[in-house]
Amino acid sequence: IKMKEKSHRMEKINSLLKKEISDIIFHEYEIGQENFITISVIDTKADLSQADVYVSALKDEDKIVEALNKESGHIRHILGKKIRMKKTPKLIFKKDIFKLQI
């Protein structure tokens, strides 16, 4: 039962982070407005030390991921002000590997 509670908690955290990081990218950075950027999956470690953020973009996906990683400290800082969590995880942006293969 304990594992189930924990995974539900992590699902809630991942969902919250996904929403807030998406908002930050769209409102704080021009790249979010001139390109179609989607956060597909967030995988946060149970101790909240790190969150892997999987991103896809309509164009220049590699450049977008690189730019987001350069800005990850700033994004984390804004995130920390927006949400109430004991610890704001370090954000690692990665290219989306979960895309549907059609």
C-alpha atoms as a PDB file:
ATOM      1  CA  ILE A   1       0.000   0.000   0.000  1.00  0.00           C
ATOM      2  CA  LYS A   2       2.829   2.398   0.805  1.00  0.00           C
ATOM      3  CA  MET A   3       4.291   2.132  -2.712  1.00  0.00           C
ATOM      4  CA  LYS A   4       0.924   2.946  -4.237  1.00  0.00           C
ATOM      5  CA  GLU A   5       0.606   6.108  -2.128  1.00  0.00           C
ATOM      6  CA  LYS A   6       4.105   7.138  -3.095  1.00  0.00           C
ATOM      7  CA  SER A   7       3.504   6.628  -6.805  1.00  0.00           C
ATOM      8  CA  HIS A   8       0.246   8.597  -6.574  1.00  0.00           C
ATOM      9  CA  ARG A   9       2.153  11.401  -4.845  1.00  0.00           C
ATOM     10  CA  MET A  10       4.812  11.358  -7.580  1.00  0.00           C
ATOM     11  CA  GLU A  11       2.132  11.398 -10.275  1.00  0.00           C
ATOM     12  CA  LYS A  12       0.665  14.530  -8.676  1.00  0.00           C
ATOM     13  CA  ILE A  13       4.100  16.147  -8.443  1.00  0.00           C
ATOM     14  CA  ASN A  14       4.960  15.274 -12.055  1.00  0.00           C
ATOM     15  CA  SER A  15       1.609  16.617 -13.232  1.00  0.00           C
ATOM     16  CA  LEU A  16       2.081  19.870 -11.313  1.00  0.00           C
ATOM     17  CA  LEU A  17       5.635  20.303 -12.605  1.00  0.00           C
ATOM     18  CA  LYS A  18       4.528  19.602 -16.176  1.00  0.00           C
ATOM     19  CA  LYS A  19       1.873  22.313 -16.024  1.00  0.00           C
ATOM     20  CA  GLU A  20       4.049  24.913 -14.321  1.00  0.00           C
ATOM     21  CA  ILE A  21       7.152  24.339 -16.462  1.00  0.00           C
ATOM     22  CA  SER A  22       5.013  24.534 -19.613  1.00  0.00           C
ATOM     23  CA  ASP A  23       3.614  27.871 -18.425  1.00  0.00           C
ATOM     24  CA  ILE A  24       7.092  29.191 -17.604  1.00  0.00           C
ATOM     25  CA  ILE A  25       8.490  28.208 -21.017  1.00  0.00           C
ATOM     26  CA  PHE A  26       5.561  29.805 -22.820  1.00  0.00           C
ATOM     27  CA  HIS A  27       5.444  33.039 -20.807  1.00  0.00           C
ATOM     28  CA  GLU A  28       9.121  33.652 -20.032  1.00  0.00           C
ATOM     29  CA  TYR A  29      10.800  32.633 -23.280  1.00  0.00           C
ATOM     30  CA  GLU A  30      10.166  33.650 -26.871  1.00  0.00           C
ATOM     31  CA  ILE A  31      11.024  30.143 -28.055  1.00  0.00           C
ATOM     32  CA  GLY A  32       7.859  28.894 -26.409  1.00  0.00           C
ATOM     33  CA  GLN A  33       5.731  31.307 -28.405  1.00  0.00           C
ATOM     34  CA  GLU A  34       7.323  30.946 -31.828  1.00  0.00           C
ATOM     35  CA  ASN A  35       7.674  27.163 -31.760  1.00  0.00           C
ATOM     36  CA  PHE A  36       5.292  24.408 -30.762  1.00  0.00           C
ATOM     37  CA  ILE A  37       7.007  23.002 -27.659  1.00  0.00           C
ATOM     38  CA  THR A  38       5.462  20.191 -25.651  1.00  0.00           C
ATOM     39  CA  ILE A  39       6.502  18.602 -22.397  1.00  0.00           C
ATOM     40  CA  SER A  40       5.466  14.995 -22.830  1.00  0.00           C
ATOM     41  CA  VAL A  41       6.729  13.330 -19.658  1.00  0.00           C
ATOM     42  CA  ILE A  42       8.310  14.385 -16.393  1.00  0.00           C
ATOM     43  CA  ASP A  43      10.104  11.808 -14.291  1.00  0.00           C
ATOM     44  CA  THR A  44      10.918  13.157 -10.827  1.00  0.00           C
ATOM     45  CA  LYS A  45      13.112  11.238  -8.405  1.00  0.00           C
ATOM     46  CA  ALA A  46      11.343  10.272  -5.189  1.00  0.00           C
ATOM     47  CA  ASP A  47      13.683  12.456  -3.111  1.00  0.00           C
ATOM     48  CA  LEU A  48      12.844  15.440  -5.371  1.00  0.00           C
ATOM     49  CA  SER A  49      16.534  15.998  -6.167  1.00  0.00           C
ATOM     50  CA  GLN A  50      16.048  15.878  -9.928  1.00  0.00           C
ATOM     51  CA  ALA A  51      13.347  15.867 -12.568  1.00  0.00           C
ATOM     52  CA  ASP A  52      13.938  14.654 -16.116  1.00  0.00           C
ATOM     53  CA  VAL A  53      11.781  16.772 -18.415  1.00  0.00           C
ATOM     54  CA  TYR A  54      11.127  15.216 -21.830  1.00  0.00           C
ATOM     55  CA  VAL A  55      10.482  17.852 -24.472  1.00  0.00           C
ATOM     56  CA  SER A  56       9.411  17.753 -28.098  1.00  0.00           C
ATOM     57  CA  ALA A  57       9.357  20.695 -30.490  1.00  0.00           C
ATOM     58  CA  LEU A  58       7.980  21.254 -33.953  1.00  0.00           C
ATOM     59  CA  LYS A  59      11.348  22.566 -35.183  1.00  0.00           C
ATOM     60  CA  ASP A  60      14.945  22.760 -33.937  1.00  0.00           C
ATOM     61  CA  GLU A  61      14.322  20.207 -31.195  1.00  0.00           C
ATOM     62  CA  ASP A  62      18.015  19.724 -30.345  1.00  0.00           C
ATOM     63  CA  LYS A  63      18.581  23.479 -30.071  1.00  0.00           C
ATOM     64  CA  ILE A  64      15.479  23.884 -27.922  1.00  0.00           C
ATOM     65  CA  VAL A  65      16.588  21.175 -25.492  1.00  0.00           C
ATOM     66  CA  GLU A  66      20.070  22.718 -25.325  1.00  0.00           C
ATOM     67  CA  ALA A  67      18.624  26.208 -24.700  1.00  0.00           C
ATOM     68  CA  LEU A  68      16.281  24.920 -21.985  1.00  0.00           C
ATOM     69  CA  ASN A  69      19.160  23.174 -20.225  1.00  0.00           C
ATOM     70  CA  LYS A  70      21.156  26.430 -20.278  1.00  0.00           C
ATOM     71  CA  GLU A  71      18.158  28.165 -18.691  1.00  0.00           C
ATOM     72  CA  SER A  72      17.254  25.322 -16.318  1.00  0.00           C
ATOM     73  CA  GLY A  73      18.566  27.152 -13.231  1.00  0.00           C
ATOM     74  CA  HIS A  74      16.421  30.187 -14.007  1.00  0.00           C
ATOM     75  CA  ILE A  75      13.377  28.021 -14.798  1.00  0.00           C
ATOM     76  CA  ARG A  76      13.916  26.158 -11.510  1.00  0.00           C
ATOM     77  CA  HIS A  77      14.123  29.489  -9.648  1.00  0.00           C
ATOM     78  CA  ILE A  78      10.787  30.683 -11.108  1.00  0.00           C
ATOM     79  CA  LEU A  79       9.264  27.256 -10.460  1.00  0.00           C
ATOM     80  CA  GLY A  80      10.343  27.439  -6.815  1.00  0.00           C
ATOM     81  CA  LYS A  81       8.462  30.732  -6.423  1.00  0.00           C
ATOM     82  CA  LYS A  82       5.303  29.375  -8.087  1.00  0.00           C
ATOM     83  CA  ILE A  83       4.865  26.074  -6.260  1.00  0.00           C
ATOM     84  CA  ARG A  84       5.005  25.047  -2.634  1.00  0.00           C
ATOM     85  CA  MET A  85       7.313  22.095  -2.320  1.00  0.00           C
ATOM     86  CA  LYS A  86       9.892  21.187   0.270  1.00  0.00           C
ATOM     87  CA  LYS A  87      12.509  21.062  -2.461  1.00  0.00           C
ATOM     88  CA  THR A  88      12.466  22.217  -6.081  1.00  0.00           C
ATOM     89  CA  PRO A  89      14.137  19.520  -8.188  1.00  0.00           C
ATOM     90  CA  LYS A  90      17.046  20.189 -10.507  1.00  0.00           C
ATOM     91  CA  LEU A  91      15.615  20.184 -14.038  1.00  0.00           C
ATOM     92  CA  ILE A  92      17.265  18.131 -16.766  1.00  0.00           C
ATOM     93  CA  PHE A  93      15.688  18.701 -20.181  1.00  0.00           C
ATOM     94  CA  LYS A  94      15.879  15.793 -22.613  1.00  0.00           C
ATOM     95  CA  LYS A  95      14.644  15.093 -26.105  1.00  0.00           C
ATOM     96  CA  ASP A  96      11.309  13.301 -26.059  1.00  0.00           C
ATOM     97  CA  ILE A  97      11.882   9.570 -26.446  1.00  0.00           C
ATOM     98  CA  PHE A  98       8.237   8.673 -25.955  1.00  0.00           C
ATOM     99  CA  LYS A  99       6.930   9.904 -29.308  1.00  0.00           C
ATOM    100  CA  LEU A 100       4.385   7.667 -30.948  1.00  0.00           C
ATOM    101  CA  GLN A 101       5.912   5.625 -33.710  1.00  0.00           C
ATOM    102  CA  ILE A 102       3.367   5.512 -36.524  1.00  0.00           C
END
